[in-house]
Amino acid sequence: MDISFVYKIAAIGLIIAVLNQILQKSGKEEYTLITTIAGIIIVVLMLLPFVSQLNDELSSFFGL
């Protein structure tokens, strides 16, 4: 895992936090939950290849 990947996840978190603040200040609280869930889904989709790789490495390590 490269450090730039961690920076990308941090940038997504900052963008989502700013969007949530803007939406709350403008009175659109119903959209803050949607943006938070969208950010979580984006990060999870970015992490899926690493989880798959981890699963492969663990199964080869334990001989499964």
N, C-alpha and C. Protein backbone atom coordinates (compact mmCIF):
# COMPACT_ATOMS: atom_id res chain seq x y z
N MET A 1 0.85 -1.16 0.00
CA MET A 1 0.00 0.00 0.00
C MET A 1 0.90 1.24 0.00
N ASP A 2 0.64 2.10 -0.91
CA ASP A 2 1.44 3.30 -1.08
C ASP A 2 0.87 4.42 -0.21
N ILE A 3 1.72 5.35 0.17
CA ILE A 3 1.29 6.46 1.02
C ILE A 3 0.30 7.36 0.28
N SER A 4 0.40 7.41 -1.05
CA SER A 4 -0.53 8.24 -1.81
C SER A 4 -1.96 7.71 -1.69
N PHE A 5 -2.08 6.40 -1.49
CA PHE A 5 -3.41 5.81 -1.29
C PHE A 5 -4.03 6.32 0.01
N VAL A 6 -3.22 6.42 1.04
CA VAL A 6 -3.70 6.95 2.32
C VAL A 6 -4.10 8.41 2.16
N TYR A 7 -3.32 9.16 1.39
CA TYR A 7 -3.67 10.56 1.13
C TYR A 7 -4.98 10.68 0.38
N LYS A 8 -5.23 9.77 -0.56
CA LYS A 8 -6.50 9.80 -1.30
C LYS A 8 -7.68 9.57 -0.36
N ILE A 9 -7.54 8.63 0.54
CA ILE A 9 -8.62 8.36 1.50
C ILE A 9 -8.83 9.56 2.42
N ALA A 10 -7.73 10.17 2.85
CA ALA A 10 -7.84 11.36 3.70
C ALA A 10 -8.49 12.52 2.95
N ALA A 11 -8.16 12.67 1.67
CA ALA A 11 -8.76 13.73 0.87
C ALA A 11 -10.26 13.52 0.71
N ILE A 12 -10.66 12.28 0.50
CA ILE A 12 -12.09 11.98 0.40
C ILE A 12 -12.79 12.31 1.71
N GLY A 13 -12.16 11.98 2.83
CA GLY A 13 -12.73 12.31 4.13
C GLY A 13 -12.88 13.80 4.34
N LEU A 14 -11.87 14.57 3.93
CA LEU A 14 -11.96 16.02 4.06
C LEU A 14 -13.04 16.61 3.17
N ILE A 15 -13.14 16.11 1.95
CA ILE A 15 -14.18 16.60 1.03
C ILE A 15 -15.57 16.32 1.58
N ILE A 16 -15.76 15.11 2.10
CA ILE A 16 -17.06 14.75 2.67
C ILE A 16 -17.37 15.61 3.89
N ALA A 17 -16.36 15.87 4.72
CA ALA A 17 -16.59 16.71 5.91
C ALA A 17 -16.98 18.12 5.51
N VAL A 18 -16.31 18.67 4.51
CA VAL A 18 -16.65 20.03 4.06
C VAL A 18 -18.04 20.06 3.45
N LEU A 19 -18.35 19.06 2.63
CA LEU A 19 -19.71 19.00 2.05
C LEU A 19 -20.78 18.90 3.13
N ASN A 20 -20.52 18.10 4.15
CA ASN A 20 -21.49 17.98 5.24
C ASN A 20 -21.69 19.30 5.97
N GLN A 21 -20.60 20.03 6.20
CA GLN A 21 -20.73 21.33 6.86
C GLN A 21 -21.51 22.32 6.00
N ILE A 22 -21.23 22.33 4.71
CA ILE A 22 -21.95 23.23 3.80
C ILE A 22 -23.43 22.88 3.77
N LEU A 23 -23.73 21.59 3.70
CA LEU A 23 -25.14 21.17 3.64
C LEU A 23 -25.86 21.48 4.94
N GLN A 24 -25.19 21.31 6.07
CA GLN A 24 -25.83 21.62 7.35
C GLN A 24 -26.09 23.12 7.49
N LYS A 25 -25.16 23.94 7.05
CA LYS A 25 -25.34 25.39 7.16
C LYS A 25 -26.44 25.90 6.24
N SER A 26 -26.64 25.20 5.11
CA SER A 26 -27.67 25.66 4.18
C SER A 26 -29.04 25.04 4.49
N GLY A 27 -29.13 24.25 5.56
CA GLY A 27 -30.42 23.70 5.97
C GLY A 27 -30.82 22.43 5.24
N LYS A 28 -29.89 21.75 4.65
CA LYS A 28 -30.19 20.51 3.93
C LYS A 28 -29.63 19.31 4.70
N GLU A 29 -30.08 19.15 5.94
CA GLU A 29 -29.57 18.09 6.79
C GLU A 29 -29.87 16.69 6.25
N GLU A 30 -30.92 16.57 5.45
CA GLU A 30 -31.28 15.24 4.94
C GLU A 30 -30.25 14.72 3.93
N TYR A 31 -29.46 15.63 3.36
CA TYR A 31 -28.45 15.20 2.38
C TYR A 31 -27.10 14.88 3.02
N THR A 32 -26.91 15.28 4.28
CA THR A 32 -25.63 15.01 4.92
C THR A 32 -25.40 13.52 5.12
N LEU A 33 -26.44 12.81 5.49
CA LEU A 33 -26.31 11.36 5.67
C LEU A 33 -26.01 10.68 4.34
N ILE A 34 -26.63 11.15 3.27
CA ILE A 34 -26.39 10.56 1.95
C ILE A 34 -24.95 10.78 1.52
N THR A 35 -24.41 11.98 1.75
CA THR A 35 -23.03 12.23 1.36
C THR A 35 -22.05 11.42 2.21
N THR A 36 -22.36 11.25 3.49
CA THR A 36 -21.50 10.44 4.35
C THR A 36 -21.49 8.99 3.90
N ILE A 37 -22.65 8.45 3.60
CA ILE A 37 -22.73 7.07 3.13
C ILE A 37 -22.04 6.91 1.78
N ALA A 38 -22.18 7.90 0.91
CA ALA A 38 -21.50 7.84 -0.39
C ALA A 38 -19.98 7.84 -0.20
N GLY A 39 -19.48 8.64 0.72
CA GLY A 39 -18.04 8.66 0.99
C GLY A 39 -17.55 7.33 1.53
N ILE A 40 -18.32 6.73 2.42
CA ILE A 40 -17.94 5.42 2.97
C ILE A 40 -17.93 4.37 1.88
N ILE A 41 -18.92 4.39 1.00
CA ILE A 41 -18.98 3.42 -0.09
C ILE A 41 -17.79 3.59 -1.02
N ILE A 42 -17.43 4.83 -1.33
CA ILE A 42 -16.28 5.08 -2.22
C ILE A 42 -15.00 4.52 -1.60
N VAL A 43 -14.80 4.76 -0.32
CA VAL A 43 -13.58 4.27 0.34
C VAL A 43 -13.57 2.75 0.41
N VAL A 44 -14.70 2.15 0.70
CA VAL A 44 -14.76 0.69 0.76
C VAL A 44 -14.48 0.09 -0.62
N LEU A 45 -15.01 0.70 -1.67
CA LEU A 45 -14.73 0.20 -3.01
C LEU A 45 -13.25 0.36 -3.37
N MET A 46 -12.62 1.40 -2.85
CA MET A 46 -11.18 1.57 -3.09
C MET A 46 -10.37 0.51 -2.34
N LEU A 47 -10.87 0.05 -1.18
CA LEU A 47 -10.15 -0.91 -0.37
C LEU A 47 -10.38 -2.37 -0.77
N LEU A 48 -11.38 -2.64 -1.58
CA LEU A 48 -11.70 -4.03 -1.94
C LEU A 48 -10.54 -4.80 -2.56
N PRO A 49 -9.77 -4.23 -3.48
CA PRO A 49 -8.64 -5.02 -4.01
C PRO A 49 -7.61 -5.40 -2.94
N PHE A 50 -7.40 -4.52 -1.95
CA PHE A 50 -6.46 -4.83 -0.89
C PHE A 50 -7.00 -5.92 0.03
N VAL A 51 -8.29 -5.94 0.26
CA VAL A 51 -8.90 -6.99 1.08
C VAL A 51 -8.79 -8.33 0.36
N SER A 52 -9.01 -8.33 -0.94
CA SER A 52 -8.87 -9.54 -1.72
C SER A 52 -7.44 -10.05 -1.69
N GLN A 53 -6.49 -9.15 -1.82
CA GLN A 53 -5.08 -9.52 -1.77
C GLN A 53 -4.72 -10.08 -0.39
N LEU A 54 -5.23 -9.46 0.67
CA LEU A 54 -4.99 -9.94 2.02
C LEU A 54 -5.57 -11.34 2.21
N ASN A 55 -6.76 -11.57 1.68
CA ASN A 55 -7.39 -12.88 1.77
C ASN A 55 -6.54 -13.93 1.07
N ASP A 56 -6.02 -13.62 -0.11
CA ASP A 56 -5.17 -14.56 -0.84
C ASP A 56 -3.90 -14.87 -0.08
N GLU A 57 -3.28 -13.84 0.50
CA GLU A 57 -2.04 -14.04 1.24
C GLU A 57 -2.28 -14.86 2.52
N LEU A 58 -3.38 -14.61 3.20
CA LEU A 58 -3.67 -15.38 4.42
C LEU A 58 -4.00 -16.83 4.11
N SER A 59 -4.73 -17.06 3.03
CA SER A 59 -5.06 -18.44 2.67
C SER A 59 -3.82 -19.21 2.23
N SER A 60 -2.88 -18.55 1.54
CA SER A 60 -1.64 -19.23 1.16
C SER A 60 -0.74 -19.44 2.38
N PHE A 61 -0.78 -18.52 3.35
CA PHE A 61 0.04 -18.64 4.53
C PHE A 61 -0.41 -19.82 5.40
N PHE A 62 -1.72 -19.94 5.57
CA PHE A 62 -2.25 -21.02 6.40
C PHE A 62 -2.52 -22.29 5.61
N GLY A 63 -2.29 -22.28 4.32
CA GLY A 63 -2.45 -23.48 3.51
C GLY A 63 -3.89 -23.88 3.31
N LEU A 64 -4.75 -22.95 3.20
CA LEU A 64 -6.19 -23.25 3.02
C LEU A 64 -6.54 -23.38 1.57
